[in-house]
Amino acid sequence: MSSDRTTNVLWFAAGVSLGAAIGLLAAPASGAETRRYLADHAGSARDYVDRGRELYERGRELADEAANMYEEGRHLMEDV
């Protein structure tokens, strides 16, 4: 189920990116202005993607830690 959600989010992000790119390319600005705009904003988009990856990895680490704590607590309760 988690991988389905991740896949859906990635497809959504791809669709938004593609829609934005098509919208910019269809805009009444000149080709040079549009390319400059895309180049300027591609760097900031890359920063957002990198930050999203970092947050995703941290979430996975926290989930693993929580699972380990749960297992430790379960074992402690079994010993009692």
C-alpha atoms as a PDB file:
ATOM      1  CA  MET A   1       0.000   0.000   0.000  1.00  0.00           C
ATOM      2  CA  SER A   2       2.838   2.408   0.818  1.00  0.00           C
ATOM      3  CA  SER A   3       4.496   1.832  -2.532  1.00  0.00           C
ATOM      4  CA  ASP A   4       1.157   2.520  -4.265  1.00  0.00           C
ATOM      5  CA  ARG A   5       0.934   5.862  -2.494  1.00  0.00           C
ATOM      6  CA  THR A   6       4.541   6.692  -3.400  1.00  0.00           C
ATOM      7  CA  THR A   7       3.878   5.764  -7.017  1.00  0.00           C
ATOM      8  CA  ASN A   8       0.769   7.941  -7.093  1.00  0.00           C
ATOM      9  CA  VAL A   9       2.653  10.895  -5.625  1.00  0.00           C
ATOM     10  CA  LEU A  10       5.449  10.500  -8.163  1.00  0.00           C
ATOM     11  CA  TRP A  11       2.971  10.324 -11.065  1.00  0.00           C
ATOM     12  CA  PHE A  12       1.173  13.376  -9.708  1.00  0.00           C
ATOM     13  CA  ALA A  13       4.449  15.314  -9.447  1.00  0.00           C
ATOM     14  CA  ALA A  14       5.400  14.245 -12.969  1.00  0.00           C
ATOM     15  CA  GLY A  15       2.017  15.399 -14.266  1.00  0.00           C
ATOM     16  CA  VAL A  16       2.305  18.763 -12.537  1.00  0.00           C
ATOM     17  CA  SER A  17       5.811  19.240 -13.928  1.00  0.00           C
ATOM     18  CA  LEU A  18       4.764  18.269 -17.432  1.00  0.00           C
ATOM     19  CA  GLY A  19       1.714  20.521 -17.278  1.00  0.00           C
ATOM     20  CA  ALA A  20       3.797  23.449 -16.079  1.00  0.00           C
ATOM     21  CA  ALA A  21       6.369  22.897 -18.818  1.00  0.00           C
ATOM     22  CA  ILE A  22       3.694  22.729 -21.516  1.00  0.00           C
ATOM     23  CA  GLY A  23       2.018  25.825 -20.108  1.00  0.00           C
ATOM     24  CA  LEU A  24       5.280  27.736 -20.162  1.00  0.00           C
ATOM     25  CA  LEU A  25       6.092  26.610 -23.671  1.00  0.00           C
ATOM     26  CA  ALA A  26       2.647  27.682 -24.878  1.00  0.00           C
ATOM     27  CA  ALA A  27       2.959  31.067 -23.154  1.00  0.00           C
ATOM     28  CA  PRO A  28       3.282  34.211 -25.263  1.00  0.00           C
ATOM     29  CA  ALA A  29       6.903  34.827 -24.137  1.00  0.00           C
ATOM     30  CA  SER A  30       9.732  34.434 -26.603  1.00  0.00           C
ATOM     31  CA  GLY A  31      11.638  31.181 -26.790  1.00  0.00           C
ATOM     32  CA  ALA A  32      14.759  32.689 -25.246  1.00  0.00           C
ATOM     33  CA  GLU A  33      12.783  34.186 -22.339  1.00  0.00           C
ATOM     34  CA  THR A  34      10.980  30.895 -21.755  1.00  0.00           C
ATOM     35  CA  ARG A  35      14.209  28.874 -21.835  1.00  0.00           C
ATOM     36  CA  ARG A  36      15.851  31.324 -19.421  1.00  0.00           C
ATOM     37  CA  TYR A  37      12.860  31.058 -17.092  1.00  0.00           C
ATOM     38  CA  LEU A  38      12.913  27.255 -17.224  1.00  0.00           C
ATOM     39  CA  ALA A  39      16.658  27.140 -16.586  1.00  0.00           C
ATOM     40  CA  ASP A  40      16.348  29.501 -13.617  1.00  0.00           C
ATOM     41  CA  HIS A  41      13.530  27.521 -12.046  1.00  0.00           C
ATOM     42  CA  ALA A  42      14.932  24.065 -12.773  1.00  0.00           C
ATOM     43  CA  GLY A  43      17.573  24.596 -10.096  1.00  0.00           C
ATOM     44  CA  SER A  44      15.014  25.481  -7.440  1.00  0.00           C
ATOM     45  CA  ALA A  45      12.853  22.515  -8.446  1.00  0.00           C
ATOM     46  CA  ARG A  46      15.890  20.261  -8.084  1.00  0.00           C
ATOM     47  CA  ASP A  47      16.389  21.644  -4.563  1.00  0.00           C
ATOM     48  CA  TYR A  48      12.794  20.756  -3.691  1.00  0.00           C
ATOM     49  CA  VAL A  49      13.246  17.228  -5.041  1.00  0.00           C
ATOM     50  CA  ASP A  50      16.453  16.776  -3.054  1.00  0.00           C
ATOM     51  CA  ARG A  51      14.764  18.028   0.102  1.00  0.00           C
ATOM     52  CA  GLY A  52      11.818  15.711  -0.540  1.00  0.00           C
ATOM     53  CA  ARG A  53      14.195  12.759  -0.824  1.00  0.00           C
ATOM     54  CA  GLU A  54      15.861  13.733   2.451  1.00  0.00           C
ATOM     55  CA  LEU A  55      12.505  13.981   4.196  1.00  0.00           C
ATOM     56  CA  TYR A  56      11.411  10.637   2.744  1.00  0.00           C
ATOM     57  CA  GLU A  57      14.592   8.934   3.969  1.00  0.00           C
ATOM     58  CA  ARG A  58      14.220  10.479   7.425  1.00  0.00           C
ATOM     59  CA  GLY A  59      10.627   9.264   7.545  1.00  0.00           C
ATOM     60  CA  ARG A  60      11.780   5.750   6.661  1.00  0.00           C
ATOM     61  CA  GLU A  61      14.391   5.902   9.439  1.00  0.00           C
ATOM     62  CA  LEU A  62      11.777   7.048  11.943  1.00  0.00           C
ATOM     63  CA  ALA A  63       9.413   4.284  10.853  1.00  0.00           C
ATOM     64  CA  ASP A  64      12.173   1.702  11.314  1.00  0.00           C
ATOM     65  CA  GLU A  65      13.010   3.105  14.753  1.00  0.00           C
ATOM     66  CA  ALA A  66       9.338   2.994  15.753  1.00  0.00           C
ATOM     67  CA  ALA A  67       9.059  -0.613  14.563  1.00  0.00           C
ATOM     68  CA  ASN A  68      12.134  -1.545  16.599  1.00  0.00           C
ATOM     69  CA  MET A  69      10.731   0.175  19.696  1.00  0.00           C
ATOM     70  CA  TYR A  70       7.457  -1.668  19.237  1.00  0.00           C
ATOM     71  CA  GLU A  71       9.250  -5.002  19.003  1.00  0.00           C
ATOM     72  CA  GLU A  72      11.350  -4.231  22.090  1.00  0.00           C
ATOM     73  CA  GLY A  73       8.230  -3.270  24.034  1.00  0.00           C
ATOM     74  CA  ARG A  74       6.452  -6.408  22.870  1.00  0.00           C
ATOM     75  CA  HIS A  75       9.352  -8.569  24.026  1.00  0.00           C
ATOM     76  CA  LEU A  76       9.441  -6.796  27.382  1.00  0.00           C
ATOM     77  CA  MET A  77       5.729  -7.434  27.885  1.00  0.00           C
ATOM     78  CA  GLU A  78       6.148 -11.099  26.966  1.00  0.00           C
ATOM     79  CA  ASP A  79       8.861 -11.469  29.617  1.00  0.00           C
ATOM     80  CA  VAL A  80       6.619 -10.041  32.345  1.00  0.00           C
END
